[in-house]
Structures are given as structure tokens and as C-alpha cells.
PDB file of all heavy atoms in Angstrom:
ATOM      1  N   GLU A   1      24.890  75.790  16.871  1.00  0.00           N
ATOM      2  CA  GLU A   1      24.867  75.672  15.410  1.00  0.00           C
ATOM      3  C   GLU A   1      23.432  75.589  14.895  1.00  0.00           C
ATOM      4  O   GLU A   1      23.094  76.173  13.861  1.00  0.00           O
ATOM      5  CB  GLU A   1      25.662  74.443  14.995  1.00  0.00           C
ATOM      6  CG  GLU A   1      25.962  74.356  13.507  1.00  0.00           C
ATOM      7  CD  GLU A   1      26.903  75.445  13.020  1.00  0.00           C
ATOM      8  OE1 GLU A   1      27.659  75.982  13.841  1.00  0.00           O
ATOM      9  OE2 GLU A   1      26.847  75.763  11.818  1.00  0.00           O
ATOM     10  N   LEU A   2      22.582  74.876  15.605  1.00  0.00           N
ATOM     11  CA  LEU A   2      21.169  74.772  15.210  1.00  0.00           C
ATOM     12  C   LEU A   2      20.478  76.123  15.271  1.00  0.00           C
ATOM     13  O   LEU A   2      19.665  76.453  14.404  1.00  0.00           O
ATOM     14  CB  LEU A   2      20.448  73.773  16.120  1.00  0.00           C
ATOM     15  CG  LEU A   2      20.767  72.294  15.881  1.00  0.00           C
ATOM     16  CD1 LEU A   2      20.180  71.430  17.000  1.00  0.00           C
ATOM     17  CD2 LEU A   2      20.238  71.825  14.530  1.00  0.00           C
ATOM     18  N   HIS A   3      20.796  76.929  16.279  1.00  0.00           N
ATOM     19  CA  HIS A   3      20.195  78.255  16.388  1.00  0.00           C
ATOM     20  C   HIS A   3      20.554  79.140  15.189  1.00  0.00           C
ATOM     21  O   HIS A   3      19.750  79.945  14.720  1.00  0.00           O
ATOM     22  CB  HIS A   3      20.632  78.917  17.687  1.00  0.00           C
ATOM     23  CG  HIS A   3      19.899  78.421  18.892  1.00  0.00           C
ATOM     24  ND1 HIS A   3      20.449  78.373  20.150  1.00  0.00           N
ATOM     25  CD2 HIS A   3      18.642  77.929  19.024  1.00  0.00           C
ATOM     26  CE1 HIS A   3      19.573  77.890  20.991  1.00  0.00           C
ATOM     27  NE2 HIS A   3      18.474  77.597  20.342  1.00  0.00           N
ATOM     28  N   LYS A   4      21.743  78.989  14.673  1.00  0.00           N
ATOM     29  CA  LYS A   4      22.153  79.750  13.499  1.00  0.00           C
ATOM     30  C   LYS A   4      21.313  79.353  12.270  1.00  0.00           C
ATOM     31  O   LYS A   4      20.917  80.189  11.464  1.00  0.00           O
ATOM     32  CB  LYS A   4      23.626  79.521  13.184  1.00  0.00           C
ATOM     33  CG  LYS A   4      24.580  80.039  14.252  1.00  0.00           C
ATOM     34  CD  LYS A   4      26.007  79.662  13.920  1.00  0.00           C
ATOM     35  CE  LYS A   4      26.960  80.078  15.039  1.00  0.00           C
ATOM     36  NZ  LYS A   4      28.350  79.636  14.769  1.00  0.00           N
ATOM     37  N   ILE A   5      21.027  78.058  12.166  1.00  0.00           N
ATOM     38  CA  ILE A   5      20.255  77.555  11.032  1.00  0.00           C
ATOM     39  C   ILE A   5      18.804  77.992  11.134  1.00  0.00           C
ATOM     40  O   ILE A   5      18.148  78.275  10.116  1.00  0.00           O
ATOM     41  CB  ILE A   5      20.357  76.012  10.967  1.00  0.00           C
ATOM     42  CG1 ILE A   5      21.829  75.614  10.748  1.00  0.00           C
ATOM     43  CG2 ILE A   5      19.486  75.441   9.853  1.00  0.00           C
ATOM     44  CD1 ILE A   5      22.104  74.149  10.971  1.00  0.00           C
ATOM     45  N   VAL A   6      18.291  78.092  12.364  1.00  0.00           N
ATOM     46  CA  VAL A   6      16.914  78.552  12.577  1.00  0.00           C
ATOM     47  C   VAL A   6      16.700  79.905  11.921  1.00  0.00           C
ATOM     48  O   VAL A   6      15.664  80.174  11.307  1.00  0.00           O
ATOM     49  CB  VAL A   6      16.604  78.631  14.093  1.00  0.00           C
ATOM     50  CG1 VAL A   6      15.294  79.381  14.323  1.00  0.00           C
ATOM     51  CG2 VAL A   6      16.508  77.235  14.693  1.00  0.00           C
ATOM     52  N   HIS A   7      17.682  80.779  12.037  1.00  0.00           N
ATOM     53  CA  HIS A   7      17.551  82.128  11.503  1.00  0.00           C
ATOM     54  C   HIS A   7      17.620  82.171   9.982  1.00  0.00           C
ATOM     55  O   HIS A   7      17.419  83.223   9.374  1.00  0.00           O
ATOM     56  CB  HIS A   7      18.622  83.029  12.111  1.00  0.00           C
ATOM     57  CG  HIS A   7      18.473  83.231  13.591  1.00  0.00           C
ATOM     58  ND1 HIS A   7      17.325  83.710  14.165  1.00  0.00           N
ATOM     59  CD2 HIS A   7      19.332  82.975  14.611  1.00  0.00           C
ATOM     60  CE1 HIS A   7      17.473  83.768  15.482  1.00  0.00           C
ATOM     61  NE2 HIS A   7      18.676  83.322  15.789  1.00  0.00           N
ATOM     62  N   SER A   8      17.909  81.023   9.361  1.00  0.00           N
ATOM     63  CA  SER A   8      17.987  81.002   7.898  1.00  0.00           C
ATOM     64  C   SER A   8      16.731  80.395   7.261  1.00  0.00           C
ATOM     65  O   SER A   8      16.740  80.090   6.088  1.00  0.00           O
ATOM     66  CB  SER A   8      19.227  80.226   7.459  1.00  0.00           C
ATOM     67  OG  SER A   8      19.118  78.854   7.813  1.00  0.00           O
ATOM     68  N   GLY A   9      15.680  80.222   8.058  1.00  0.00           N
ATOM     69  CA  GLY A   9      14.412  79.844   7.452  1.00  0.00           C
ATOM     70  C   GLY A   9      13.751  78.566   7.922  1.00  0.00           C
ATOM     71  O   GLY A   9      12.564  78.369   7.677  1.00  0.00           O
ATOM     72  N   LEU A  10      14.480  77.677   8.576  1.00  0.00           N
ATOM     73  CA  LEU A  10      13.891  76.418   9.046  1.00  0.00           C
ATOM     74  C   LEU A  10      13.489  76.569  10.506  1.00  0.00           C
ATOM     75  O   LEU A  10      14.292  77.002  11.335  1.00  0.00           O
ATOM     76  CB  LEU A  10      14.906  75.287   8.914  1.00  0.00           C
ATOM     77  CG  LEU A  10      14.458  73.909   9.419  1.00  0.00           C
ATOM     78  CD1 LEU A  10      13.414  73.316   8.469  1.00  0.00           C
ATOM     79  CD2 LEU A  10      15.658  72.964   9.546  1.00  0.00           C
ATOM     80  N   TYR A  11      12.240  76.229  10.819  1.00  0.00           N
ATOM     81  CA  TYR A  11      11.806  76.217  12.209  1.00  0.00           C
ATOM     82  C   TYR A  11      12.334  74.947  12.863  1.00  0.00           C
ATOM     83  O   TYR A  11      12.092  73.853  12.378  1.00  0.00           O
ATOM     84  CB  TYR A  11      10.278  76.257  12.292  1.00  0.00           C
ATOM     85  CG  TYR A  11       9.741  76.259  13.702  1.00  0.00           C
ATOM     86  CD1 TYR A  11       9.462  77.463  14.357  1.00  0.00           C
ATOM     87  CD2 TYR A  11       9.511  75.064  14.388  1.00  0.00           C
ATOM     88  CE1 TYR A  11       8.985  77.470  15.652  1.00  0.00           C
ATOM     89  CE2 TYR A  11       9.025  75.083  15.686  1.00  0.00           C
ATOM     90  CZ  TYR A  11       8.767  76.272  16.315  1.00  0.00           C
ATOM     91  OH  TYR A  11       8.285  76.277  17.605  1.00  0.00           O
ATOM     92  N   VAL A  12      13.072  75.100  13.959  1.00  0.00           N
ATOM     93  CA  VAL A  12      13.633  73.937  14.665  1.00  0.00           C
ATOM     94  C   VAL A  12      13.189  73.987  16.117  1.00  0.00           C
ATOM     95  O   VAL A  12      13.420  74.982  16.817  1.00  0.00           O
ATOM     96  CB  VAL A  12      15.177  73.911  14.593  1.00  0.00           C
ATOM     97  CG1 VAL A  12      15.705  72.654  15.278  1.00  0.00           C
ATOM     98  CG2 VAL A  12      15.652  73.976  13.147  1.00  0.00           C
ATOM     99  N   LYS A  13      12.543  72.930  16.550  1.00  0.00           N
ATOM    100  CA  LYS A  13      12.160  72.829  17.970  1.00  0.00           C
ATOM    101  C   LYS A  13      13.196  71.958  18.655  1.00  0.00           C
ATOM    102  O   LYS A  13      13.356  70.779  18.326  1.00  0.00           O
ATOM    103  CB  LYS A  13      10.762  72.246  18.113  1.00  0.00           C
ATOM    104  CG  LYS A  13      10.284  72.287  19.572  1.00  0.00           C
ATOM    105  CD  LYS A  13       8.811  71.938  19.687  1.00  0.00           C
ATOM    106  CE  LYS A  13       8.346  72.078  21.128  1.00  0.00           C
ATOM    107  NZ  LYS A  13       6.927  71.744  21.301  1.00  0.00           N
ATOM    108  N   ILE A  14      13.877  72.538  19.634  1.00  0.00           N
ATOM    109  CA  ILE A  14      15.006  71.887  20.283  1.00  0.00           C
ATOM    110  C   ILE A  14      14.641  71.552  21.724  1.00  0.00           C
ATOM    111  O   ILE A  14      14.185  72.423  22.476  1.00  0.00           O
ATOM    112  CB  ILE A  14      16.248  72.801  20.260  1.00  0.00           C
ATOM    113  CG1 ILE A  14      16.563  73.222  18.818  1.00  0.00           C
ATOM    114  CG2 ILE A  14      17.447  72.111  20.904  1.00  0.00           C
ATOM    115  CD1 ILE A  14      17.622  74.305  18.709  1.00  0.00           C
ATOM    116  N   PRO A  15      14.856  70.322  22.152  1.00  0.00           N
ATOM    117  CA  PRO A  15      14.523  69.935  23.531  1.00  0.00           C
ATOM    118  C   PRO A  15      15.614  70.393  24.495  1.00  0.00           C
ATOM    119  O   PRO A  15      16.672  70.879  24.092  1.00  0.00           O
ATOM    120  CB  PRO A  15      14.475  68.408  23.456  1.00  0.00           C
ATOM    121  CG  PRO A  15      15.522  68.086  22.425  1.00  0.00           C
ATOM    122  CD  PRO A  15      15.431  69.190  21.392  1.00  0.00           C
ATOM    123  N   ASN A  16      15.348  70.216  25.787  1.00  0.00           N
ATOM    124  CA  ASN A  16      16.411  70.359  26.769  1.00  0.00           C
ATOM    125  C   ASN A  16      17.367  69.183  26.625  1.00  0.00           C
ATOM    126  O   ASN A  16      16.952  68.075  26.266  1.00  0.00           O
ATOM    127  CB  ASN A  16      15.841  70.367  28.187  1.00  0.00           C
ATOM    128  CG  ASN A  16      15.016  71.617  28.481  1.00  0.00           C
ATOM    129  OD1 ASN A  16      15.246  72.674  27.898  1.00  0.00           O
ATOM    130  ND2 ASN A  16      14.042  71.504  29.369  1.00  0.00           N
ATOM    131  N   PHE A  17      18.601  69.427  26.955  1.00  0.00           N
ATOM    132  CA  PHE A  17      19.586  68.339  26.968  1.00  0.00           C
ATOM    133  C   PHE A  17      20.177  68.126  28.352  1.00  0.00           C
ATOM    134  O   PHE A  17      21.242  67.534  28.512  1.00  0.00           O
ATOM    135  CB  PHE A  17      20.679  68.599  25.931  1.00  0.00           C
ATOM    136  CG  PHE A  17      20.190  68.470  24.514  1.00  0.00           C
ATOM    137  CD1 PHE A  17      20.052  69.577  23.714  1.00  0.00           C
ATOM    138  CD2 PHE A  17      19.862  67.211  24.002  1.00  0.00           C
ATOM    139  CE1 PHE A  17      19.591  69.457  22.408  1.00  0.00           C
ATOM    140  CE2 PHE A  17      19.393  67.089  22.703  1.00  0.00           C
ATOM    141  CZ  PHE A  17      19.253  68.199  21.899  1.00  0.00           C
ATOM    142  N   GLU A  18      19.448  68.618  29.335  1.00  0.00           N
ATOM    143  CA  GLU A  18      19.767  68.347  30.725  1.00  0.00           C
ATOM    144  C   GLU A  18      18.486  68.527  31.540  1.00  0.00           C
ATOM    145  O   GLU A  18      17.558  69.213  31.106  1.00  0.00           O
ATOM    146  CB  GLU A  18      20.854  69.308  31.241  1.00  0.00           C
ATOM    147  CG  GLU A  18      20.470  70.765  31.168  1.00  0.00           C
ATOM    148  CD  GLU A  18      21.584  71.682  31.648  1.00  0.00           C
ATOM    149  OE1 GLU A  18      22.437  71.202  32.423  1.00  0.00           O
ATOM    150  OE2 GLU A  18      21.599  72.865  31.256  1.00  0.00           O
ATOM    151  N   LEU A  19      18.444  67.899  32.698  1.00  0.00           N
ATOM    152  CA  LEU A  19      17.259  67.980  33.550  1.00  0.00           C
ATOM    153  C   LEU A  19      17.152  69.367  34.148  1.00  0.00           C
ATOM    154  O   LEU A  19      18.084  69.856  34.769  1.00  0.00           O
ATOM    155  CB  LEU A  19      17.340  66.925  34.656  1.00  0.00           C
ATOM    156  CG  LEU A  19      16.071  66.762  35.517  1.00  0.00           C
ATOM    157  CD1 LEU A  19      14.923  66.226  34.682  1.00  0.00           C
ATOM    158  CD2 LEU A  19      16.370  65.833  36.698  1.00  0.00           C
ATOM    159  N   LYS A  20      15.995  70.004  33.962  1.00  0.00           N
ATOM    160  CA  LYS A  20      15.755  71.335  34.512  1.00  0.00           C
ATOM    161  C   LYS A  20      14.546  71.319  35.434  1.00  0.00           C
ATOM    162  O   LYS A  20      13.717  70.398  35.379  1.00  0.00           O
ATOM    163  CB  LYS A  20      15.546  72.354  33.377  1.00  0.00           C
ATOM    164  CG  LYS A  20      16.783  72.565  32.515  1.00  0.00           C
ATOM    165  CD  LYS A  20      16.548  73.626  31.460  1.00  0.00           C
ATOM    166  CE  LYS A  20      17.782  73.850  30.598  1.00  0.00           C
ATOM    167  NZ  LYS A  20      18.893  74.446  31.348  1.00  0.00           N
ATOM    168  N   THR A  21      14.436  72.347  36.258  1.00  0.00           N
ATOM    169  CA  THR A  21      13.362  72.408  37.243  1.00  0.00           C
ATOM    170  C   THR A  21      12.007  72.622  36.604  1.00  0.00           C
ATOM    171  O   THR A  21      11.012  71.990  36.955  1.00  0.00           O
ATOM    172  CB  THR A  21      13.636  73.542  38.244  1.00  0.00           C
ATOM    173  OG1 THR A  21      14.879  73.298  38.891  1.00  0.00           O
ATOM    174  CG2 THR A  21      12.528  73.624  39.292  1.00  0.00           C
ATOM    175  N   GLU A  22      11.944  73.534  35.642  1.00  0.00           N
ATOM    176  CA  GLU A  22      10.665  73.895  35.028  1.00  0.00           C
ATOM    177  C   GLU A  22      10.021  72.701  34.322  1.00  0.00           C
ATOM    178  O   GLU A  22      10.701  71.899  33.681  1.00  0.00           O
ATOM    179  CB  GLU A  22      10.873  75.011  34.004  1.00  0.00           C
ATOM    180  CG  GLU A  22       9.578  75.469  33.347  1.00  0.00           C
ATOM    181  CD  GLU A  22       9.808  76.479  32.242  1.00  0.00           C
ATOM    182  OE1 GLU A  22      10.966  76.690  31.861  1.00  0.00           O
ATOM    183  OE2 GLU A  22       8.816  77.038  31.761  1.00  0.00           O
ATOM    184  N   ARG A  23       8.700  72.594  34.467  1.00  0.00           N
ATOM    185  CA  ARG A  23       7.957  71.548  33.780  1.00  0.00           C
ATOM    186  C   ARG A  23       6.869  72.180  32.917  1.00  0.00           C
ATOM    187  O   ARG A  23       6.231  73.146  33.305  1.00  0.00           O
ATOM    188  CB  ARG A  23       7.341  70.579  34.791  1.00  0.00           C
ATOM    189  CG  ARG A  23       8.370  69.770  35.533  1.00  0.00           C
ATOM    190  CD  ARG A  23       7.752  68.781  36.499  1.00  0.00           C
ATOM    191  NE  ARG A  23       7.145  69.447  37.640  1.00  0.00           N
ATOM    192  CZ  ARG A  23       6.615  68.781  38.687  1.00  0.00           C
ATOM    193  NH1 ARG A  23       6.627  67.469  38.706  1.00  0.00           N
ATOM    194  NH2 ARG A  23       6.090  69.457  39.686  1.00  0.00           N
ATOM    195  N   GLN A  24       6.667  71.597  31.758  1.00  0.00           N
ATOM    196  CA  GLN A  24       5.611  72.070  30.865  1.00  0.00           C
ATOM    197  C   GLN A  24       5.192  70.919  29.968  1.00  0.00           C
ATOM    198  O   GLN A  24       6.016  70.386  29.213  1.00  0.00           O
ATOM    199  CB  GLN A  24       6.078  73.255  30.019  1.00  0.00           C
ATOM    200  CG  GLN A  24       4.966  73.838  29.153  1.00  0.00           C
ATOM    201  CD  GLN A  24       5.442  75.018  28.332  1.00  0.00           C
ATOM    202  OE1 GLN A  24       6.613  75.113  27.981  1.00  0.00           O
ATOM    203  NE2 GLN A  24       4.545  75.930  28.030  1.00  0.00           N
ATOM    204  N   CYS A  25       3.944  70.542  30.022  1.00  0.00           N
ATOM    205  CA  CYS A  25       3.430  69.435  29.227  1.00  0.00           C
ATOM    206  C   CYS A  25       2.683  69.990  28.006  1.00  0.00           C
ATOM    207  O   CYS A  25       1.643  70.629  28.157  1.00  0.00           O
ATOM    208  CB  CYS A  25       2.497  68.552  30.059  1.00  0.00           C
ATOM    209  SG  CYS A  25       1.664  67.274  29.094  1.00  0.00           S
ATOM    210  N   ASP A  26       3.206  69.741  26.819  1.00  0.00           N
ATOM    211  CA  ASP A  26       2.554  70.236  25.600  1.00  0.00           C
ATOM    212  C   ASP A  26       1.173  69.629  25.414  1.00  0.00           C
ATOM    213  O   ASP A  26       0.263  70.286  24.914  1.00  0.00           O
ATOM    214  CB  ASP A  26       3.419  69.926  24.380  1.00  0.00           C
ATOM    215  CG  ASP A  26       4.528  70.951  24.193  1.00  0.00           C
ATOM    216  OD1 ASP A  26       4.495  71.987  24.873  1.00  0.00           O
ATOM    217  OD2 ASP A  26       5.416  70.718  23.355  1.00  0.00           O
ATOM    218  N   PHE A  27       1.000  68.368  25.793  1.00  0.00           N
ATOM    219  CA  PHE A  27      -0.305  67.719  25.626  1.00  0.00           C
ATOM    220  C   PHE A  27      -1.366  68.427  26.476  1.00  0.00           C
ATOM    221  O   PHE A  27      -2.473  68.688  26.019  1.00  0.00           O
ATOM    222  CB  PHE A  27      -0.229  66.246  26.023  1.00  0.00           C
ATOM    223  CG  PHE A  27       0.473  65.378  25.013  1.00  0.00           C
ATOM    224  CD1 PHE A  27       1.809  65.020  25.187  1.00  0.00           C
ATOM    225  CD2 PHE A  27      -0.182  64.932  23.881  1.00  0.00           C
ATOM    226  CE1 PHE A  27       2.468  64.235  24.269  1.00  0.00           C
ATOM    227  CE2 PHE A  27       0.466  64.136  22.943  1.00  0.00           C
ATOM    228  CZ  PHE A  27       1.796  63.785  23.145  1.00  0.00           C
ATOM    229  N   ASP A  28      -1.015  68.737  27.714  1.00  0.00           N
ATOM    230  CA  ASP A  28      -1.991  69.367  28.601  1.00  0.00           C
ATOM    231  C   ASP A  28      -2.168  70.848  28.280  1.00  0.00           C
ATOM    232  O   ASP A  28      -3.290  71.353  28.257  1.00  0.00           O
ATOM    233  CB  ASP A  28      -1.564  69.189  30.062  1.00  0.00           C
ATOM    234  CG  ASP A  28      -2.729  69.453  31.003  1.00  0.00           C
ATOM    235  OD1 ASP A  28      -3.726  68.726  30.913  1.00  0.00           O
ATOM    236  OD2 ASP A  28      -2.631  70.387  31.819  1.00  0.00           O
ATOM    237  N   GLU A  29      -1.074  71.535  28.027  1.00  0.00           N
ATOM    238  CA  GLU A  29      -1.154  72.963  27.744  1.00  0.00           C
ATOM    239  C   GLU A  29      -1.998  73.243  26.494  1.00  0.00           C
ATOM    240  O   GLU A  29      -2.626  74.292  26.379  1.00  0.00           O
ATOM    241  CB  GLU A  29       0.253  73.553  27.539  1.00  0.00           C
ATOM    242  CG  GLU A  29       1.120  73.554  28.797  1.00  0.00           C
ATOM    243  CD  GLU A  29       0.673  74.557  29.843  1.00  0.00           C
ATOM    244  OE1 GLU A  29      -0.121  75.461  29.512  1.00  0.00           O
ATOM    245  OE2 GLU A  29       1.112  74.420  31.006  1.00  0.00           O
ATOM    246  N   ASN A  30      -2.015  72.282  25.561  1.00  0.00           N
ATOM    247  CA  ASN A  30      -2.745  72.483  24.311  1.00  0.00           C
ATOM    248  C   ASN A  30      -4.042  71.697  24.235  1.00  0.00           C
ATOM    249  O   ASN A  30      -4.619  71.531  23.160  1.00  0.00           O
ATOM    250  CB  ASN A  30      -1.828  72.119  23.135  1.00  0.00           C
ATOM    251  CG  ASN A  30      -0.712  73.127  22.968  1.00  0.00           C
ATOM    252  OD1 ASN A  30      -0.918  74.222  22.469  1.00  0.00           O
ATOM    253  ND2 ASN A  30       0.491  72.761  23.414  1.00  0.00           N
TER     254      ASN A  30
END
């Protein structure tokens, strides 16, 4: 449902809702 709203003009940053293998630190990457 959130993805549908994203396409109507609001930028939505959505986290993972389960533990995944990939790691990415926004603080370090930026």
C-alpha cells in the first residue's frame, strides 16, 4: 500500500521488516 502512495508524489523511505543478509550503513556510506 505504501508503494502505491509513493507513486502519487510522496517520497517514502521504507525499512526492512525482516533480517536480511545484506548490510549497508547510511552513516558510513555518506
